[in-house]
């Protein structure tokens, strides 16, 4: 796969995750004012592109933050390239 295809697939996966309403579980009722534990494991249901089947993917909150940040950067880069055009491909 080319880099562009990978970035577009990443952007699409980010849009699928955002539209599925994947959210972290609410904080415990015992400590409502405490900050969430970054090492707590959180699972999300993700659906692969071109598939009706979904699967649970589990990571810590810290890992999800990193994944979400990387996906956001990749999506922004893909959109920026689309707006400006890729040199040599016009």
PDB file of N, CA and C in Angstrom:
ATOM      1  N   UNK A   1       0.841  -1.181   0.000  1.00  0.00           N
ATOM      2  CA  UNK A   1       0.000   0.000   0.000  1.00  0.00           C
ATOM      3  C   UNK A   1       0.886   1.243   0.000  1.00  0.00           C
ATOM      4  N   UNK A   2       0.407   2.264  -0.626  1.00  0.00           N
ATOM      5  CA  UNK A   2       1.154   3.506  -0.628  1.00  0.00           C
ATOM      6  C   UNK A   2       0.871   4.273   0.652  1.00  0.00           C
ATOM      7  N   UNK A   3       1.710   5.263   0.924  1.00  0.00           N
ATOM      8  CA  UNK A   3       1.525   6.067   2.132  1.00  0.00           C
ATOM      9  C   UNK A   3       0.181   6.789   2.100  1.00  0.00           C
ATOM     10  N   UNK A   4      -0.195   7.252   0.919  1.00  0.00           N
ATOM     11  CA  UNK A   4      -1.454   7.984   0.786  1.00  0.00           C
ATOM     12  C   UNK A   4      -2.634   7.077   1.118  1.00  0.00           C
ATOM     13  N   UNK A   5      -2.600   5.839   0.636  1.00  0.00           N
ATOM     14  CA  UNK A   5      -3.674   4.892   0.905  1.00  0.00           C
ATOM     15  C   UNK A   5      -3.773   4.606   2.395  1.00  0.00           C
ATOM     16  N   UNK A   6      -2.621   4.460   3.036  1.00  0.00           N
ATOM     17  CA  UNK A   6      -2.604   4.197   4.474  1.00  0.00           C
ATOM     18  C   UNK A   6      -3.176   5.384   5.243  1.00  0.00           C
ATOM     19  N   UNK A   7      -2.801   6.593   4.835  1.00  0.00           N
ATOM     20  CA  UNK A   7      -3.313   7.771   5.534  1.00  0.00           C
ATOM     21  C   UNK A   7      -4.820   7.934   5.328  1.00  0.00           C
ATOM     22  N   UNK A   8      -5.291   7.656   4.140  1.00  0.00           N
ATOM     23  CA  UNK A   8      -6.732   7.755   3.883  1.00  0.00           C
ATOM     24  C   UNK A   8      -7.476   6.711   4.689  1.00  0.00           C
ATOM     25  N   UNK A   9      -6.909   5.494   4.766  1.00  0.00           N
ATOM     26  CA  UNK A   9      -7.531   4.445   5.569  1.00  0.00           C
ATOM     27  C   UNK A   9      -7.541   4.834   7.044  1.00  0.00           C
ATOM     28  N   UNK A  10      -6.466   5.473   7.514  1.00  0.00           N
ATOM     29  CA  UNK A  10      -6.411   5.926   8.906  1.00  0.00           C
ATOM     30  C   UNK A  10      -7.458   7.002   9.165  1.00  0.00           C
ATOM     31  N   UNK A  11      -7.592   7.922   8.222  1.00  0.00           N
ATOM     32  CA  UNK A  11      -8.587   8.985   8.375  1.00  0.00           C
ATOM     33  C   UNK A  11      -9.996   8.401   8.387  1.00  0.00           C
ATOM     34  N   UNK A  12     -10.238   7.425   7.528  1.00  0.00           N
ATOM     35  CA  UNK A  12     -11.552   6.788   7.490  1.00  0.00           C
ATOM     36  C   UNK A  12     -11.820   6.034   8.784  1.00  0.00           C
ATOM     37  N   UNK A  13     -10.802   5.361   9.311  1.00  0.00           N
ATOM     38  CA  UNK A  13     -10.970   4.636  10.573  1.00  0.00           C
ATOM     39  C   UNK A  13     -11.274   5.611  11.706  1.00  0.00           C
ATOM     40  N   UNK A  14     -10.633   6.761  11.685  1.00  0.00           N
ATOM     41  CA  UNK A  14     -10.902   7.777  12.696  1.00  0.00           C
ATOM     42  C   UNK A  14     -12.343   8.259  12.595  1.00  0.00           C
ATOM     43  N   UNK A  15     -12.829   8.470  11.392  1.00  0.00           N
ATOM     44  CA  UNK A  15     -14.208   8.910  11.215  1.00  0.00           C
ATOM     45  C   UNK A  15     -15.193   7.844  11.676  1.00  0.00           C
ATOM     46  N   UNK A  16     -14.887   6.573  11.409  1.00  0.00           N
ATOM     47  CA  UNK A  16     -15.760   5.483  11.857  1.00  0.00           C
ATOM     48  C   UNK A  16     -15.791   5.430  13.376  1.00  0.00           C
ATOM     49  N   UNK A  17     -14.620   5.570  14.001  1.00  0.00           N
ATOM     50  CA  UNK A  17     -14.559   5.533  15.459  1.00  0.00           C
ATOM     51  C   UNK A  17     -15.315   6.720  16.061  1.00  0.00           C
ATOM     52  N   UNK A  18     -15.167   7.890  15.447  1.00  0.00           N
ATOM     53  CA  UNK A  18     -15.848   9.073  15.971  1.00  0.00           C
ATOM     54  C   UNK A  18     -17.357   8.969  15.791  1.00  0.00           C
ATOM     55  N   UNK A  19     -17.804   8.410  14.678  1.00  0.00           N
ATOM     56  CA  UNK A  19     -19.234   8.329  14.430  1.00  0.00           C
ATOM     57  C   UNK A  19     -19.898   7.199  15.210  1.00  0.00           C
ATOM     58  N   UNK A  20     -19.111   6.217  15.657  1.00  0.00           N
ATOM     59  CA  UNK A  20     -19.697   5.114  16.417  1.00  0.00           C
ATOM     60  C   UNK A  20     -19.983   5.505  17.857  1.00  0.00           C
ATOM     61  N   UNK A  21     -19.509   6.685  18.254  1.00  0.00           N
ATOM     62  CA  UNK A  21     -19.785   7.158  19.603  1.00  0.00           C
ATOM     63  C   UNK A  21     -18.947   6.455  20.646  1.00  0.00           C
ATOM     64  N   UNK A  22     -17.775   5.978  20.261  1.00  0.00           N
ATOM     65  CA  UNK A  22     -16.900   5.297  21.212  1.00  0.00           C
ATOM     66  C   UNK A  22     -16.444   6.303  22.256  1.00  0.00           C
ATOM     67  N   UNK A  23     -16.729   5.981  23.524  1.00  0.00           N
ATOM     68  CA  UNK A  23     -16.356   6.853  24.622  1.00  0.00           C
ATOM     69  C   UNK A  23     -15.795   6.022  25.747  1.00  0.00           C
ATOM     70  N   UNK A  24     -14.991   6.672  26.570  1.00  0.00           N
ATOM     71  CA  UNK A  24     -14.492   6.004  27.759  1.00  0.00           C
ATOM     72  C   UNK A  24     -15.634   5.824  28.750  1.00  0.00           C
ATOM     73  N   UNK A  25     -15.506   4.825  29.604  1.00  0.00           N
ATOM     74  CA  UNK A  25     -16.501   4.599  30.635  1.00  0.00           C
ATOM     75  C   UNK A  25     -16.457   5.763  31.614  1.00  0.00           C
ATOM     76  N   UNK A  26     -17.609   6.128  32.198  1.00  0.00           N
ATOM     77  CA  UNK A  26     -17.606   7.229  33.152  1.00  0.00           C
ATOM     78  C   UNK A  26     -16.755   6.884  34.363  1.00  0.00           C
ATOM     79  N   UNK A  27     -16.261   7.920  35.038  1.00  0.00           N
ATOM     80  CA  UNK A  27     -15.434   7.722  36.221  1.00  0.00           C
ATOM     81  C   UNK A  27     -16.240   7.043  37.321  1.00  0.00           C
ATOM     82  N   UNK A  28     -15.547   6.423  38.219  1.00  0.00           N
ATOM     83  CA  UNK A  28     -16.180   5.710  39.315  1.00  0.00           C
ATOM     84  C   UNK A  28     -17.020   6.661  40.166  1.00  0.00           C
ATOM     85  N   UNK A  29     -18.130   6.169  40.702  1.00  0.00           N
ATOM     86  CA  UNK A  29     -19.010   6.994  41.533  1.00  0.00           C
ATOM     87  C   UNK A  29     -18.350   7.347  42.858  1.00  0.00           C
ATOM     88  N   UNK A  30     -17.369   6.539  43.279  1.00  0.00           N
ATOM     89  CA  UNK A  30     -16.720   6.768  44.562  1.00  0.00           C
ATOM     90  C   UNK A  30     -15.843   8.011  44.543  1.00  0.00           C
ATOM     91  N   UNK A  31     -15.200   8.315  43.424  1.00  0.00           N
ATOM     92  CA  UNK A  31     -14.311   9.467  43.343  1.00  0.00           C
ATOM     93  C   UNK A  31     -14.651  10.316  42.126  1.00  0.00           C
ATOM     94  N   UNK A  32     -15.776  11.055  42.161  1.00  0.00           N
ATOM     95  CA  UNK A  32     -16.183  11.825  40.993  1.00  0.00           C
ATOM     96  C   UNK A  32     -15.256  12.996  40.672  1.00  0.00           C
ATOM     97  N   UNK A  33     -14.542  13.540  41.672  1.00  0.00           N
ATOM     98  CA  UNK A  33     -13.699  14.695  41.407  1.00  0.00           C
ATOM     99  C   UNK A  33     -12.263  14.300  41.055  1.00  0.00           C
ATOM    100  N   UNK A  34     -11.913  13.029  41.206  1.00  0.00           N
ATOM    101  CA  UNK A  34     -10.550  12.586  40.914  1.00  0.00           C
ATOM    102  C   UNK A  34     -10.323  12.533  39.405  1.00  0.00           C
ATOM    103  N   UNK A  35      -9.078  12.743  38.994  1.00  0.00           N
ATOM    104  CA  UNK A  35      -8.755  12.633  37.577  1.00  0.00           C
ATOM    105  C   UNK A  35      -8.740  11.160  37.180  1.00  0.00           C
ATOM    106  N   UNK A  36      -9.119  10.847  35.953  1.00  0.00           N
ATOM    107  CA  UNK A  36      -9.160   9.448  35.532  1.00  0.00           C
ATOM    108  C   UNK A  36      -7.763   8.830  35.533  1.00  0.00           C
ATOM    109  N   UNK A  37      -7.714   7.560  35.871  1.00  0.00           N
ATOM    110  CA  UNK A  37      -6.459   6.825  35.900  1.00  0.00           C
ATOM    111  C   UNK A  37      -5.986   6.580  34.470  1.00  0.00           C
ATOM    112  N   UNK A  38      -4.799   7.098  34.088  1.00  0.00           N
ATOM    113  CA  UNK A  38      -4.336   6.919  32.709  1.00  0.00           C
ATOM    114  C   UNK A  38      -3.954   5.477  32.389  1.00  0.00           C
ATOM    115  N   UNK A  39      -3.782   4.649  33.417  1.00  0.00           N
ATOM    116  CA  UNK A  39      -3.403   3.257  33.193  1.00  0.00           C
ATOM    117  C   UNK A  39      -4.585   2.297  33.244  1.00  0.00           C
ATOM    118  N   UNK A  40      -5.799   2.842  33.370  1.00  0.00           N
ATOM    119  CA  UNK A  40      -6.985   1.991  33.368  1.00  0.00           C
ATOM    120  C   UNK A  40      -7.250   1.489  31.952  1.00  0.00           C
ATOM    121  N   UNK A  41      -7.575   0.215  31.838  1.00  0.00           N
ATOM    122  CA  UNK A  41      -7.836  -0.386  30.527  1.00  0.00           C
ATOM    123  C   UNK A  41      -9.254  -0.022  30.089  1.00  0.00           C
ATOM    124  N   UNK A  42      -9.375   0.441  28.854  1.00  0.00           N
ATOM    125  CA  UNK A  42     -10.657   0.827  28.266  1.00  0.00           C
ATOM    126  C   UNK A  42     -10.797   0.083  26.938  1.00  0.00           C
ATOM    127  N   UNK A  43     -11.965  -0.495  26.716  1.00  0.00           N
ATOM    128  CA  UNK A  43     -12.217  -1.231  25.483  1.00  0.00           C
ATOM    129  C   UNK A  43     -13.200  -0.458  24.607  1.00  0.00           C
ATOM    130  N   UNK A  44     -12.955  -0.486  23.321  1.00  0.00           N
ATOM    131  CA  UNK A  44     -13.842   0.141  22.341  1.00  0.00           C
ATOM    132  C   UNK A  44     -14.188  -0.896  21.286  1.00  0.00           C
ATOM    133  N   UNK A  45     -15.371  -0.755  20.723  1.00  0.00           N
ATOM    134  CA  UNK A  45     -15.767  -1.621  19.607  1.00  0.00           C
ATOM    135  C   UNK A  45     -15.411  -0.886  18.331  1.00  0.00           C
ATOM    136  N   UNK A  46     -14.625  -1.538  17.485  1.00  0.00           N
ATOM    137  CA  UNK A  46     -14.213  -0.938  16.228  1.00  0.00           C
ATOM    138  C   UNK A  46     -14.638  -1.827  15.078  1.00  0.00           C
ATOM    139  N   UNK A  47     -15.058  -1.191  14.020  1.00  0.00           N
ATOM    140  CA  UNK A  47     -15.505  -1.898  12.826  1.00  0.00           C
ATOM    141  C   UNK A  47     -14.499  -1.647  11.707  1.00  0.00           C
ATOM    142  N   UNK A  48     -13.980  -2.711  11.125  1.00  0.00           N
ATOM    143  CA  UNK A  48     -13.016  -2.585  10.039  1.00  0.00           C
ATOM    144  C   UNK A  48     -13.712  -2.081   8.780  1.00  0.00           C
ATOM    145  N   UNK A  49     -12.973  -1.356   7.961  1.00  0.00           N
ATOM    146  CA  UNK A  49     -13.533  -0.865   6.710  1.00  0.00           C
ATOM    147  C   UNK A  49     -13.917  -2.038   5.819  1.00  0.00           C
ATOM    148  N   UNK A  50     -15.089  -1.973   5.234  1.00  0.00           N
ATOM    149  CA  UNK A  50     -15.549  -3.019   4.335  1.00  0.00           C
ATOM    150  C   UNK A  50     -16.092  -4.241   5.042  1.00  0.00           C
ATOM    151  N   UNK A  51     -16.319  -4.144   6.334  1.00  0.00           N
ATOM    152  CA  UNK A  51     -16.797  -5.294   7.088  1.00  0.00           C
ATOM    153  C   UNK A  51     -17.975  -4.875   7.964  1.00  0.00           C
ATOM    154  N   UNK A  52     -18.904  -5.797   8.151  1.00  0.00           N
ATOM    155  CA  UNK A  52     -20.010  -5.534   9.056  1.00  0.00           C
ATOM    156  C   UNK A  52     -19.685  -5.992  10.468  1.00  0.00           C
ATOM    157  N   UNK A  53     -18.616  -6.770  10.603  1.00  0.00           N
ATOM    158  CA  UNK A  53     -18.235  -7.308  11.898  1.00  0.00           C
ATOM    159  C   UNK A  53     -17.405  -6.292  12.665  1.00  0.00           C
ATOM    160  N   UNK A  54     -17.616  -6.229  13.960  1.00  0.00           N
ATOM    161  CA  UNK A  54     -16.813  -5.361  14.801  1.00  0.00           C
ATOM    162  C   UNK A  54     -16.109  -6.217  15.844  1.00  0.00           C
ATOM    163  N   UNK A  55     -15.082  -5.630  16.435  1.00  0.00           N
ATOM    164  CA  UNK A  55     -14.355  -6.364  17.460  1.00  0.00           C
ATOM    165  C   UNK A  55     -13.988  -5.404  18.575  1.00  0.00           C
ATOM    166  N   UNK A  56     -13.773  -5.960  19.765  1.00  0.00           N
ATOM    167  CA  UNK A  56     -13.325  -5.163  20.893  1.00  0.00           C
ATOM    168  C   UNK A  56     -11.825  -4.956  20.797  1.00  0.00           C
ATOM    169  N   UNK A  57     -11.400  -3.711  20.992  1.00  0.00           N
ATOM    170  CA  UNK A  57      -9.986  -3.381  21.038  1.00  0.00           C
ATOM    171  C   UNK A  57      -9.755  -2.701  22.377  1.00  0.00           C
ATOM    172  N   UNK A  58      -8.829  -3.242  23.160  1.00  0.00           N
ATOM    173  CA  UNK A  58      -8.583  -2.723  24.502  1.00  0.00           C
ATOM    174  C   UNK A  58      -7.173  -2.141  24.601  1.00  0.00           C
ATOM    175  N   UNK A  59      -7.094  -0.958  25.203  1.00  0.00           N
ATOM    176  CA  UNK A  59      -5.826  -0.278  25.490  1.00  0.00           C
ATOM    177  C   UNK A  59      -6.031   0.523  26.770  1.00  0.00           C
ATOM    178  N   UNK A  60      -4.945   1.041  27.317  1.00  0.00           N
ATOM    179  CA  UNK A  60      -5.069   1.937  28.465  1.00  0.00           C
ATOM    180  C   UNK A  60      -5.506   3.310  27.958  1.00  0.00           C
ATOM    181  N   UNK A  61      -5.977   4.138  28.875  1.00  0.00           N
ATOM    182  CA  UNK A  61      -6.386   5.493  28.468  1.00  0.00           C
ATOM    183  C   UNK A  61      -5.225   6.256  27.857  1.00  0.00           C
ATOM    184  N   UNK A  62      -4.034   6.063  28.397  1.00  0.00           N
ATOM    185  CA  UNK A  62      -2.842   6.730  27.869  1.00  0.00           C
ATOM    186  C   UNK A  62      -2.578   6.276  26.428  1.00  0.00           C
ATOM    187  N   UNK A  63      -2.690   4.976  26.177  1.00  0.00           N
ATOM    188  CA  UNK A  63      -2.491   4.458  24.824  1.00  0.00           C
ATOM    189  C   UNK A  63      -3.565   4.970  23.873  1.00  0.00           C
ATOM    190  N   UNK A  64      -4.822   5.017  24.338  1.00  0.00           N
ATOM    191  CA  UNK A  64      -5.903   5.534  23.477  1.00  0.00           C
ATOM    192  C   UNK A  64      -5.648   6.996  23.130  1.00  0.00           C
ATOM    193  N   UNK A  65      -5.150   7.769  24.094  1.00  0.00           N
ATOM    194  CA  UNK A  65      -4.866   9.180  23.818  1.00  0.00           C
ATOM    195  C   UNK A  65      -3.803   9.307  22.733  1.00  0.00           C
ATOM    196  N   UNK A  66      -2.780   8.460  22.789  1.00  0.00           N
ATOM    197  CA  UNK A  66      -1.731   8.476  21.779  1.00  0.00           C
ATOM    198  C   UNK A  66      -2.285   8.064  20.423  1.00  0.00           C
ATOM    199  N   UNK A  67      -3.081   7.004  20.402  1.00  0.00           N
ATOM    200  CA  UNK A  67      -3.676   6.518  19.153  1.00  0.00           C
ATOM    201  C   UNK A  67      -4.593   7.579  18.544  1.00  0.00           C
ATOM    202  N   UNK A  68      -5.445   8.179  19.379  1.00  0.00           N
ATOM    203  CA  UNK A  68      -6.360   9.211  18.888  1.00  0.00           C
ATOM    204  C   UNK A  68      -5.594  10.417  18.341  1.00  0.00           C
ATOM    205  N   UNK A  69      -4.517  10.795  19.025  1.00  0.00           N
ATOM    206  CA  UNK A  69      -3.717  11.926  18.568  1.00  0.00           C
ATOM    207  C   UNK A  69      -3.066  11.615  17.224  1.00  0.00           C
ATOM    208  N   UNK A  70      -2.473  10.431  17.088  1.00  0.00           N
ATOM    209  CA  UNK A  70      -1.845  10.046  15.821  1.00  0.00           C
ATOM    210  C   UNK A  70      -2.869   9.980  14.692  1.00  0.00           C
ATOM    211  N   UNK A  71      -4.045   9.436  14.971  1.00  0.00           N
ATOM    212  CA  UNK A  71      -5.093   9.373  13.952  1.00  0.00           C
ATOM    213  C   UNK A  71      -5.547  10.762  13.537  1.00  0.00           C
ATOM    214  N   UNK A  72      -5.646  11.672  14.497  1.00  0.00           N
ATOM    215  CA  UNK A  72      -6.039  13.040  14.189  1.00  0.00           C
ATOM    216  C   UNK A  72      -5.011  13.736  13.314  1.00  0.00           C
ATOM    217  N   UNK A  73      -3.735  13.545  13.629  1.00  0.00           N
ATOM    218  CA  UNK A  73      -2.664  14.141  12.821  1.00  0.00           C
ATOM    219  C   UNK A  73      -2.689  13.559  11.412  1.00  0.00           C
ATOM    220  N   UNK A  74      -2.839  12.235  11.302  1.00  0.00           N
ATOM    221  CA  UNK A  74      -2.893  11.611   9.978  1.00  0.00           C
ATOM    222  C   UNK A  74      -4.089  12.097   9.171  1.00  0.00           C
ATOM    223  N   UNK A  75      -5.229  12.254   9.820  1.00  0.00           N
ATOM    224  CA  UNK A  75      -6.422  12.741   9.129  1.00  0.00           C
ATOM    225  C   UNK A  75      -6.223  14.173   8.640  1.00  0.00           C
ATOM    226  N   UNK A  76      -5.652  15.012   9.503  1.00  0.00           N
ATOM    227  CA  UNK A  76      -5.393  16.401   9.107  1.00  0.00           C
ATOM    228  C   UNK A  76      -4.426  16.464   7.932  1.00  0.00           C
ATOM    229  N   UNK A  77      -3.371  15.645   7.977  1.00  0.00           N
ATOM    230  CA  UNK A  77      -2.402  15.625   6.876  1.00  0.00           C
ATOM    231  C   UNK A  77      -3.052  15.176   5.576  1.00  0.00           C
ATOM    232  N   UNK A  78      -3.887  14.154   5.646  1.00  0.00           N
ATOM    233  CA  UNK A  78      -4.559  13.658   4.441  1.00  0.00           C
ATOM    234  C   UNK A  78      -5.492  14.722   3.870  1.00  0.00           C
ATOM    235  N   UNK A  79      -6.222  15.408   4.735  1.00  0.00           N
ATOM    236  CA  UNK A  79      -7.129  16.462   4.268  1.00  0.00           C
ATOM    237  C   UNK A  79      -6.359  17.648   3.701  1.00  0.00           C
ATOM    238  N   UNK A  80      -5.241  17.982   4.326  1.00  0.00           N
ATOM    239  CA  UNK A  80      -4.431  19.101   3.823  1.00  0.00           C
ATOM    240  C   UNK A  80      -3.879  18.768   2.448  1.00  0.00           C
ATOM    241  N   UNK A  81      -3.424  17.526   2.262  1.00  0.00           N
ATOM    242  CA  UNK A  81      -2.915  17.131   0.948  1.00  0.00           C
ATOM    243  C   UNK A  81      -4.026  17.141  -0.095  1.00  0.00           C
ATOM    244  N   UNK A  82      -5.210  16.757   0.331  1.00  0.00           N
ATOM    245  CA  UNK A  82      -6.328  16.747  -0.611  1.00  0.00           C
ATOM    246  C   UNK A  82      -6.692  18.167  -1.040  1.00  0.00           C
ATOM    247  N   UNK A  83      -6.653  19.104  -0.076  1.00  0.00           N
ATOM    248  CA  UNK A  83      -6.988  20.501  -0.398  1.00  0.00           C
ATOM    249  C   UNK A  83      -5.943  21.128  -1.303  1.00  0.00           C
ATOM    250  N   UNK A  84      -4.667  20.863  -1.031  1.00  0.00           N
ATOM    251  CA  UNK A  84      -3.618  21.524  -1.798  1.00  0.00           C
ATOM    252  C   UNK A  84      -3.180  20.725  -3.009  1.00  0.00           C
ATOM    253  N   UNK A  85      -3.485  19.443  -3.036  1.00  0.00           N
ATOM    254  CA  UNK A  85      -3.064  18.599  -4.143  1.00  0.00           C
ATOM    255  C   UNK A  85      -1.670  18.060  -3.909  1.00  0.00           C
ATOM    256  N   UNK A  86      -1.435  16.863  -4.336  1.00  0.00           N
ATOM    257  CA  UNK A  86      -0.128  16.245  -4.180  1.00  0.00           C
ATOM    258  C   UNK A  86       0.705  16.627  -5.388  1.00  0.00           C
ATOM    259  N   UNK A  87       1.900  17.174  -5.180  1.00  0.00           N
ATOM    260  CA  UNK A  87       2.744  17.565  -6.318  1.00  0.00           C
ATOM    261  C   UNK A  87       3.026  16.359  -7.218  1.00  0.00           C
ATOM    262  N   UNK A  88       2.926  16.575  -8.521  1.00  0.00           N
ATOM    263  CA  UNK A  88       3.195  15.507  -9.479  1.00  0.00           C
ATOM    264  C   UNK A  88       2.010  14.620  -9.768  1.00  0.00           C
ATOM    265  N   UNK A  89       0.895  14.854  -9.116  1.00  0.00           N
ATOM    266  CA  UNK A  89      -0.286  14.022  -9.338  1.00  0.00           C
ATOM    267  C   UNK A  89      -1.461  14.816  -9.887  1.00  0.00           C
ATOM    268  N   UNK A  90      -1.268  16.061 -10.210  1.00  0.00           N
ATOM    269  CA  UNK A  90      -2.367  16.890 -10.705  1.00  0.00           C
ATOM    270  C   UNK A  90      -2.582  16.699 -12.167  1.00  0.00           C
TER     271      UNK A  90
END
